[in-house]
Amino acid sequence: MSAPTDAELRSILTEAIRSVAPEANVDALAPDAELREELEIDSIDVLNLAIALHEATGVDIPERDYAELATLARGAAYLRRRLAG
C-alpha cells in the first residue's frame, strides 16, 4: 500500500475535524490556522479528534503528541511521519 498523498491526508484530517466540530467551516481553514482557536474546540474535542484519526488511519496518537494536531499542516505532517514509520 502506498503512502497517502497530501490531499488524502488533508481529507482524512478534515473529515475527522467535521466529526468533532460538525458546525465548523473546515474547508475555509488555512493550513496553518490554529484549530483550537479557529474552531473553538477544547481538550475533549482534541481527544476525540485523535480517536477519529486513529479510527481512520490506524495511527495511535498519544496525548503527548496532541500538539502535533494544532494545525492542518502540522497534523498532516505528523500523520505522514507516523504512517511512513
PDB file of N, CA and C in Angstrom:
ATOM      1  N   MET A   1       0.841  -1.180   0.000  1.00  0.00           N
ATOM      2  CA  MET A   1       0.000   0.000   0.000  1.00  0.00           C
ATOM      3  C   MET A   1       0.885   1.242   0.000  1.00  0.00           C
ATOM      4  N   SER A   2       0.605   2.177  -0.890  1.00  0.00           N
ATOM      5  CA  SER A   2       1.416   3.383  -0.975  1.00  0.00           C
ATOM      6  C   SER A   2       0.988   4.384   0.099  1.00  0.00           C
ATOM      7  N   ALA A   3       1.916   5.277   0.404  1.00  0.00           N
ATOM      8  CA  ALA A   3       1.639   6.308   1.407  1.00  0.00           C
ATOM      9  C   ALA A   3       0.585   7.265   0.875  1.00  0.00           C
ATOM     10  N   PRO A   4      -0.270   7.774   1.753  1.00  0.00           N
ATOM     11  CA  PRO A   4      -1.302   8.720   1.312  1.00  0.00           C
ATOM     12  C   PRO A   4      -0.669  10.021   0.817  1.00  0.00           C
ATOM     13  N   THR A   5      -1.319  10.644  -0.128  1.00  0.00           N
ATOM     14  CA  THR A   5      -0.871  11.938  -0.646  1.00  0.00           C
ATOM     15  C   THR A   5      -1.231  13.031   0.350  1.00  0.00           C
ATOM     16  N   ASP A   6      -0.674  14.219   0.136  1.00  0.00           N
ATOM     17  CA  ASP A   6      -1.023  15.350   0.995  1.00  0.00           C
ATOM     18  C   ASP A   6      -2.525  15.622   0.941  1.00  0.00           C
ATOM     19  N   ALA A   7      -3.116  15.534  -0.238  1.00  0.00           N
ATOM     20  CA  ALA A   7      -4.556  15.770  -0.385  1.00  0.00           C
ATOM     21  C   ALA A   7      -5.352  14.721   0.398  1.00  0.00           C
ATOM     22  N   GLU A   8      -4.911  13.477   0.356  1.00  0.00           N
ATOM     23  CA  GLU A   8      -5.602  12.426   1.108  1.00  0.00           C
ATOM     24  C   GLU A   8      -5.482  12.639   2.615  1.00  0.00           C
ATOM     25  N   LEU A   9      -4.292  13.049   3.056  1.00  0.00           N
ATOM     26  CA  LEU A   9      -4.104  13.325   4.484  1.00  0.00           C
ATOM     27  C   LEU A   9      -4.974  14.487   4.928  1.00  0.00           C
ATOM     28  N   ARG A  10      -5.046  15.542   4.109  1.00  0.00           N
ATOM     29  CA  ARG A  10      -5.896  16.689   4.454  1.00  0.00           C
ATOM     30  C   ARG A  10      -7.366  16.251   4.514  1.00  0.00           C
ATOM     31  N   SER A  11      -7.771  15.396   3.587  1.00  0.00           N
ATOM     32  CA  SER A  11      -9.145  14.901   3.586  1.00  0.00           C
ATOM     33  C   SER A  11      -9.440  14.092   4.854  1.00  0.00           C
ATOM     34  N   ILE A  12      -8.507  13.248   5.247  1.00  0.00           N
ATOM     35  CA  ILE A  12      -8.666  12.466   6.477  1.00  0.00           C
ATOM     36  C   ILE A  12      -8.802  13.397   7.674  1.00  0.00           C
ATOM     37  N   LEU A  13      -7.936  14.411   7.719  1.00  0.00           N
ATOM     38  CA  LEU A  13      -7.983  15.374   8.820  1.00  0.00           C
ATOM     39  C   LEU A  13      -9.281  16.162   8.833  1.00  0.00           C
ATOM     40  N   THR A  14      -9.706  16.646   7.683  1.00  0.00           N
ATOM     41  CA  THR A  14     -10.922  17.464   7.651  1.00  0.00           C
ATOM     42  C   THR A  14     -12.151  16.637   8.026  1.00  0.00           C
ATOM     43  N   GLU A  15     -12.198  15.393   7.591  1.00  0.00           N
ATOM     44  CA  GLU A  15     -13.334  14.545   7.977  1.00  0.00           C
ATOM     45  C   GLU A  15     -13.324  14.270   9.473  1.00  0.00           C
ATOM     46  N   ALA A  16     -12.149  14.065  10.042  1.00  0.00           N
ATOM     47  CA  ALA A  16     -12.053  13.844  11.486  1.00  0.00           C
ATOM     48  C   ALA A  16     -12.477  15.103  12.243  1.00  0.00           C
ATOM     49  N   ILE A  17     -12.066  16.261  11.746  1.00  0.00           N
ATOM     50  CA  ILE A  17     -12.454  17.523  12.387  1.00  0.00           C
ATOM     51  C   ILE A  17     -13.963  17.710  12.294  1.00  0.00           C
ATOM     52  N   ARG A  18     -14.546  17.390  11.138  1.00  0.00           N
ATOM     53  CA  ARG A  18     -16.005  17.500  10.982  1.00  0.00           C
ATOM     54  C   ARG A  18     -16.744  16.612  11.987  1.00  0.00           C
ATOM     55  N   SER A  19     -16.169  15.454  12.298  1.00  0.00           N
ATOM     56  CA  SER A  19     -16.832  14.565  13.254  1.00  0.00           C
ATOM     57  C   SER A  19     -16.800  15.152  14.666  1.00  0.00           C
ATOM     58  N   VAL A  20     -15.796  15.971  14.953  1.00  0.00           N
ATOM     59  CA  VAL A  20     -15.649  16.593  16.270  1.00  0.00           C
ATOM     60  C   VAL A  20     -16.383  17.927  16.347  1.00  0.00           C
ATOM     61  N   ALA A  21     -16.324  18.694  15.254  1.00  0.00           N
ATOM     62  CA  ALA A  21     -16.934  20.033  15.216  1.00  0.00           C
ATOM     63  C   ALA A  21     -17.766  20.164  13.944  1.00  0.00           C
ATOM     64  N   PRO A  22     -18.934  19.512  13.917  1.00  0.00           N
ATOM     65  CA  PRO A  22     -19.732  19.470  12.687  1.00  0.00           C
ATOM     66  C   PRO A  22     -20.193  20.831  12.182  1.00  0.00           C
ATOM     67  N   GLU A  23     -20.262  21.815  13.066  1.00  0.00           N
ATOM     68  CA  GLU A  23     -20.722  23.139  12.656  1.00  0.00           C
ATOM     69  C   GLU A  23     -19.602  23.981  12.045  1.00  0.00           C
ATOM     70  N   ALA A  24     -18.368  23.517  12.132  1.00  0.00           N
ATOM     71  CA  ALA A  24     -17.217  24.289  11.662  1.00  0.00           C
ATOM     72  C   ALA A  24     -17.124  24.288  10.137  1.00  0.00           C
ATOM     73  N   ASN A  25     -16.667  25.411   9.599  1.00  0.00           N
ATOM     74  CA  ASN A  25     -16.403  25.519   8.168  1.00  0.00           C
ATOM     75  C   ASN A  25     -14.958  25.091   7.931  1.00  0.00           C
ATOM     76  N   VAL A  26     -14.758  23.803   7.908  1.00  0.00           N
ATOM     77  CA  VAL A  26     -13.415  23.238   7.813  1.00  0.00           C
ATOM     78  C   VAL A  26     -12.752  23.592   6.478  1.00  0.00           C
ATOM     79  N   ASP A  27     -13.531  23.675   5.421  1.00  0.00           N
ATOM     80  CA  ASP A  27     -12.966  23.973   4.101  1.00  0.00           C
ATOM     81  C   ASP A  27     -12.332  25.358   4.040  1.00  0.00           C
ATOM     82  N   ALA A  28     -12.726  26.260   4.929  1.00  0.00           N
ATOM     83  CA  ALA A  28     -12.185  27.621   4.928  1.00  0.00           C
ATOM     84  C   ALA A  28     -10.925  27.747   5.786  1.00  0.00           C
ATOM     85  N   LEU A  29     -10.536  26.678   6.460  1.00  0.00           N
ATOM     86  CA  LEU A  29      -9.362  26.744   7.327  1.00  0.00           C
ATOM     87  C   LEU A  29      -8.077  26.856   6.518  1.00  0.00           C
ATOM     88  N   ALA A  30      -7.235  27.773   6.915  1.00  0.00           N
ATOM     89  CA  ALA A  30      -5.894  27.859   6.333  1.00  0.00           C
ATOM     90  C   ALA A  30      -5.066  26.705   6.897  1.00  0.00           C
ATOM     91  N   PRO A  31      -4.090  26.208   6.137  1.00  0.00           N
ATOM     92  CA  PRO A  31      -3.278  25.088   6.625  1.00  0.00           C
ATOM     93  C   PRO A  31      -2.572  25.359   7.946  1.00  0.00           C
ATOM     94  N   ASP A  32      -2.267  26.640   8.222  1.00  0.00           N
ATOM     95  CA  ASP A  32      -1.551  26.975   9.446  1.00  0.00           C
ATOM     96  C   ASP A  32      -2.441  27.599  10.517  1.00  0.00           C
ATOM     97  N   ALA A  33      -3.748  27.553  10.325  1.00  0.00           N
ATOM     98  CA  ALA A  33      -4.682  28.092  11.325  1.00  0.00           C
ATOM     99  C   ALA A  33      -4.674  27.190  12.558  1.00  0.00           C
ATOM    100  N   GLU A  34      -4.646  27.812  13.725  1.00  0.00           N
ATOM    101  CA  GLU A  34      -4.699  27.067  14.986  1.00  0.00           C
ATOM    102  C   GLU A  34      -6.119  26.523  15.165  1.00  0.00           C
ATOM    103  N   LEU A  35      -6.258  25.213  15.122  1.00  0.00           N
ATOM    104  CA  LEU A  35      -7.582  24.586  15.159  1.00  0.00           C
ATOM    105  C   LEU A  35      -8.347  24.908  16.438  1.00  0.00           C
ATOM    106  N   ARG A  36      -7.673  24.886  17.574  1.00  0.00           N
ATOM    107  CA  ARG A  36      -8.370  25.137  18.839  1.00  0.00           C
ATOM    108  C   ARG A  36      -8.947  26.543  18.871  1.00  0.00           C
ATOM    109  N   GLU A  37      -8.218  27.503  18.339  1.00  0.00           N
ATOM    110  CA  GLU A  37      -8.704  28.886  18.331  1.00  0.00           C
ATOM    111  C   GLU A  37      -9.766  29.103  17.261  1.00  0.00           C
ATOM    112  N   GLU A  38      -9.488  28.647  16.053  1.00  0.00           N
ATOM    113  CA  GLU A  38     -10.396  28.879  14.931  1.00  0.00           C
ATOM    114  C   GLU A  38     -11.738  28.165  15.109  1.00  0.00           C
ATOM    115  N   LEU A  39     -11.687  26.962  15.659  1.00  0.00           N
ATOM    116  CA  LEU A  39     -12.897  26.147  15.777  1.00  0.00           C
ATOM    117  C   LEU A  39     -13.483  26.152  17.182  1.00  0.00           C
ATOM    118  N   GLU A  40     -12.786  26.809  18.112  1.00  0.00           N
ATOM    119  CA  GLU A  40     -13.221  26.864  19.500  1.00  0.00           C
ATOM    120  C   GLU A  40     -13.471  25.466  20.060  1.00  0.00           C
ATOM    121  N   ILE A  41     -12.471  24.603  19.870  1.00  0.00           N
ATOM    122  CA  ILE A  41     -12.571  23.248  20.409  1.00  0.00           C
ATOM    123  C   ILE A  41     -11.754  23.165  21.690  1.00  0.00           C
ATOM    124  N   ASP A  42     -12.166  22.255  22.572  1.00  0.00           N
ATOM    125  CA  ASP A  42     -11.485  22.101  23.851  1.00  0.00           C
ATOM    126  C   ASP A  42     -10.678  20.808  23.882  1.00  0.00           C
ATOM    127  N   SER A  43     -10.123  20.501  25.039  1.00  0.00           N
ATOM    128  CA  SER A  43      -9.245  19.339  25.153  1.00  0.00           C
ATOM    129  C   SER A  43      -9.984  18.025  24.889  1.00  0.00           C
ATOM    130  N   ILE A  44     -11.247  17.945  25.258  1.00  0.00           N
ATOM    131  CA  ILE A  44     -12.034  16.734  24.968  1.00  0.00           C
ATOM    132  C   ILE A  44     -12.220  16.590  23.462  1.00  0.00           C
ATOM    133  N   ASP A  45     -12.437  17.707  22.769  1.00  0.00           N
ATOM    134  CA  ASP A  45     -12.556  17.666  21.314  1.00  0.00           C
ATOM    135  C   ASP A  45     -11.248  17.197  20.670  1.00  0.00           C
ATOM    136  N   VAL A  46     -10.113  17.639  21.224  1.00  0.00           N
ATOM    137  CA  VAL A  46      -8.814  17.206  20.692  1.00  0.00           C
ATOM    138  C   VAL A  46      -8.649  15.704  20.907  1.00  0.00           C
ATOM    139  N   LEU A  47      -9.061  15.215  22.062  1.00  0.00           N
ATOM    140  CA  LEU A  47      -9.033  13.774  22.325  1.00  0.00           C
ATOM    141  C   LEU A  47      -9.897  13.040  21.298  1.00  0.00           C
ATOM    142  N   ASN A  48     -11.098  13.545  21.060  1.00  0.00           N
ATOM    143  CA  ASN A  48     -11.997  12.917  20.082  1.00  0.00           C
ATOM    144  C   ASN A  48     -11.420  13.000  18.669  1.00  0.00           C
ATOM    145  N   LEU A  49     -10.703  14.069  18.362  1.00  0.00           N
ATOM    146  CA  LEU A  49     -10.030  14.188  17.065  1.00  0.00           C
ATOM    147  C   LEU A  49      -8.959  13.102  16.938  1.00  0.00           C
ATOM    148  N   ALA A  50      -8.172  12.910  17.974  1.00  0.00           N
ATOM    149  CA  ALA A  50      -7.146  11.870  17.962  1.00  0.00           C
ATOM    150  C   ALA A  50      -7.769  10.486  17.772  1.00  0.00           C
ATOM    151  N   ILE A  51      -8.896  10.253  18.426  1.00  0.00           N
ATOM    152  CA  ILE A  51      -9.597   8.967  18.288  1.00  0.00           C
ATOM    153  C   ILE A  51     -10.108   8.794  16.857  1.00  0.00           C
ATOM    154  N   ALA A  52     -10.710   9.848  16.296  1.00  0.00           N
ATOM    155  CA  ALA A  52     -11.216   9.771  14.918  1.00  0.00           C
ATOM    156  C   ALA A  52     -10.082   9.523  13.929  1.00  0.00           C
ATOM    157  N   LEU A  53      -8.942  10.171  14.151  1.00  0.00           N
ATOM    158  CA  LEU A  53      -7.790   9.953  13.264  1.00  0.00           C
ATOM    159  C   LEU A  53      -7.260   8.534  13.408  1.00  0.00           C
ATOM    160  N   HIS A  54      -7.255   8.014  14.629  1.00  0.00           N
ATOM    161  CA  HIS A  54      -6.832   6.630  14.844  1.00  0.00           C
ATOM    162  C   HIS A  54      -7.755   5.668  14.102  1.00  0.00           C
ATOM    163  N   GLU A  55      -9.050   5.912  14.210  1.00  0.00           N
ATOM    164  CA  GLU A  55     -10.012   5.044  13.517  1.00  0.00           C
ATOM    165  C   GLU A  55      -9.840   5.104  12.004  1.00  0.00           C
ATOM    166  N   ALA A  56      -9.495   6.279  11.482  1.00  0.00           N
ATOM    167  CA  ALA A  56      -9.361   6.446  10.034  1.00  0.00           C
ATOM    168  C   ALA A  56      -8.029   5.923   9.490  1.00  0.00           C
ATOM    169  N   THR A  57      -6.985   5.966  10.327  1.00  0.00           N
ATOM    170  CA  THR A  57      -5.651   5.638   9.814  1.00  0.00           C
ATOM    171  C   THR A  57      -4.980   4.463  10.510  1.00  0.00           C
ATOM    172  N   GLY A  58      -5.428   4.129  11.709  1.00  0.00           N
ATOM    173  CA  GLY A  58      -4.761   3.106  12.494  1.00  0.00           C
ATOM    174  C   GLY A  58      -3.582   3.640  13.289  1.00  0.00           C
ATOM    175  N   VAL A  59      -3.292   4.939  13.162  1.00  0.00           N
ATOM    176  CA  VAL A  59      -2.186   5.554  13.888  1.00  0.00           C
ATOM    177  C   VAL A  59      -2.625   5.863  15.312  1.00  0.00           C
ATOM    178  N   ASP A  60      -1.895   5.324  16.281  1.00  0.00           N
ATOM    179  CA  ASP A  60      -2.158   5.632  17.682  1.00  0.00           C
ATOM    180  C   ASP A  60      -1.506   6.973  17.983  1.00  0.00           C
ATOM    181  N   ILE A  61      -2.287   7.916  18.489  1.00  0.00           N
ATOM    182  CA  ILE A  61      -1.784   9.254  18.785  1.00  0.00           C
ATOM    183  C   ILE A  61      -1.793   9.444  20.296  1.00  0.00           C
ATOM    184  N   PRO A  62      -0.620   9.342  20.929  1.00  0.00           N
ATOM    185  CA  PRO A  62      -0.574   9.522  22.382  1.00  0.00           C
ATOM    186  C   PRO A  62      -0.822  10.973  22.764  1.00  0.00           C
ATOM    187  N   GLU A  63      -1.273  11.163  23.989  1.00  0.00           N
ATOM    188  CA  GLU A  63      -1.607  12.514  24.458  1.00  0.00           C
ATOM    189  C   GLU A  63      -0.430  13.472  24.317  1.00  0.00           C
ATOM    190  N   ARG A  64       0.779  12.992  24.502  1.00  0.00           N
ATOM    191  CA  ARG A  64       1.956  13.869  24.396  1.00  0.00           C
ATOM    192  C   ARG A  64       2.126  14.439  22.984  1.00  0.00           C
ATOM    193  N   ASP A  65       1.472  13.824  21.993  1.00  0.00           N
ATOM    194  CA  ASP A  65       1.585  14.286  20.605  1.00  0.00           C
ATOM    195  C   ASP A  65       0.401  15.138  20.151  1.00  0.00           C
ATOM    196  N   TYR A  66      -0.538  15.429  21.037  1.00  0.00           N
ATOM    197  CA  TYR A  66      -1.719  16.197  20.627  1.00  0.00           C
ATOM    198  C   TYR A  66      -1.353  17.561  20.054  1.00  0.00           C
ATOM    199  N   ALA A  67      -0.247  18.145  20.491  1.00  0.00           N
ATOM    200  CA  ALA A  67       0.184  19.443  19.950  1.00  0.00           C
ATOM    201  C   ALA A  67       0.480  19.350  18.459  1.00  0.00           C
ATOM    202  N   GLU A  68       0.792  18.158  17.981  1.00  0.00           N
ATOM    203  CA  GLU A  68       1.053  17.965  16.550  1.00  0.00           C
ATOM    204  C   GLU A  68      -0.220  18.124  15.721  1.00  0.00           C
ATOM    205  N   LEU A  69      -1.359  18.140  16.368  1.00  0.00           N
ATOM    206  CA  LEU A  69      -2.638  18.297  15.674  1.00  0.00           C
ATOM    207  C   LEU A  69      -3.129  19.736  15.730  1.00  0.00           C
ATOM    208  N   ALA A  70      -2.244  20.666  16.064  1.00  0.00           N
ATOM    209  CA  ALA A  70      -2.629  22.063  16.263  1.00  0.00           C
ATOM    210  C   ALA A  70      -3.127  22.733  14.988  1.00  0.00           C
ATOM    211  N   THR A  71      -2.588  22.334  13.841  1.00  0.00           N
ATOM    212  CA  THR A  71      -2.992  22.910  12.559  1.00  0.00           C
ATOM    213  C   THR A  71      -3.157  21.783  11.549  1.00  0.00           C
ATOM    214  N   LEU A  72      -3.798  22.086  10.434  1.00  0.00           N
ATOM    215  CA  LEU A  72      -3.926  21.071   9.388  1.00  0.00           C
ATOM    216  C   LEU A  72      -2.551  20.665   8.862  1.00  0.00           C
ATOM    217  N   ALA A  73      -1.678  21.638   8.656  1.00  0.00           N
ATOM    218  CA  ALA A  73      -0.349  21.342   8.111  1.00  0.00           C
ATOM    219  C   ALA A  73       0.459  20.467   9.062  1.00  0.00           C
ATOM    220  N   ARG A  74       0.461  20.821  10.341  1.00  0.00           N
ATOM    221  CA  ARG A  74       1.200  20.018  11.319  1.00  0.00           C
ATOM    222  C   ARG A  74       0.589  18.630  11.472  1.00  0.00           C
ATOM    223  N   GLY A  75      -0.733  18.561  11.475  1.00  0.00           N
ATOM    224  CA  GLY A  75      -1.405  17.269  11.588  1.00  0.00           C
ATOM    225  C   GLY A  75      -1.083  16.361  10.416  1.00  0.00           C
ATOM    226  N   ALA A  76      -1.094  16.916   9.213  1.00  0.00           N
ATOM    227  CA  ALA A  76      -0.776  16.125   8.022  1.00  0.00           C
ATOM    228  C   ALA A  76       0.671  15.646   8.059  1.00  0.00           C
ATOM    229  N   ALA A  77       1.583  16.528   8.460  1.00  0.00           N
ATOM    230  CA  ALA A  77       2.995  16.145   8.548  1.00  0.00           C
ATOM    231  C   ALA A  77       3.193  15.050   9.599  1.00  0.00           C
ATOM    232  N   TYR A  78       2.505  15.180  10.727  1.00  0.00           N
ATOM    233  CA  TYR A  78       2.590  14.176  11.792  1.00  0.00           C
ATOM    234  C   TYR A  78       2.086  12.829  11.284  1.00  0.00           C
ATOM    235  N   LEU A  79       0.921  12.812  10.663  1.00  0.00           N
ATOM    236  CA  LEU A  79       0.379  11.557  10.138  1.00  0.00           C
ATOM    237  C   LEU A  79       1.298  10.960   9.080  1.00  0.00           C
ATOM    238  N   ARG A  80       1.858  11.789   8.215  1.00  0.00           N
ATOM    239  CA  ARG A  80       2.777  11.318   7.176  1.00  0.00           C
ATOM    240  C   ARG A  80       3.960  10.593   7.819  1.00  0.00           C
ATOM    241  N   ARG A  81       4.551  11.225   8.850  1.00  0.00           N
ATOM    242  CA  ARG A  81       5.701  10.606   9.542  1.00  0.00           C
ATOM    243  C   ARG A  81       5.303   9.289  10.202  1.00  0.00           C
ATOM    244  N   ARG A  82       4.177   9.279  10.887  1.00  0.00           N
ATOM    245  CA  ARG A  82       3.746   8.082  11.594  1.00  0.00           C
ATOM    246  C   ARG A  82       3.362   6.951  10.648  1.00  0.00           C
ATOM    247  N   LEU A  83       2.757   7.296   9.522  1.00  0.00           N
ATOM    248  CA  LEU A  83       2.370   6.266   8.547  1.00  0.00           C
ATOM    249  C   LEU A  83       3.584   5.718   7.810  1.00  0.00           C
ATOM    250  N   ALA A  84       4.627   6.533   7.676  1.00  0.00           N
ATOM    251  CA  ALA A  84       5.844   6.090   6.988  1.00  0.00           C
ATOM    252  C   ALA A  84       6.695   5.183   7.869  1.00  0.00           C
ATOM    253  N   GLY A  85       6.582   5.370   9.185  1.00  0.00           N
ATOM    254  CA  GLY A  85       7.464   4.618  10.083  1.00  0.00           C
ATOM    255  C   GLY A  85       6.754   3.549  10.762  1.00  0.00           C
TER     256      GLY A  85
END
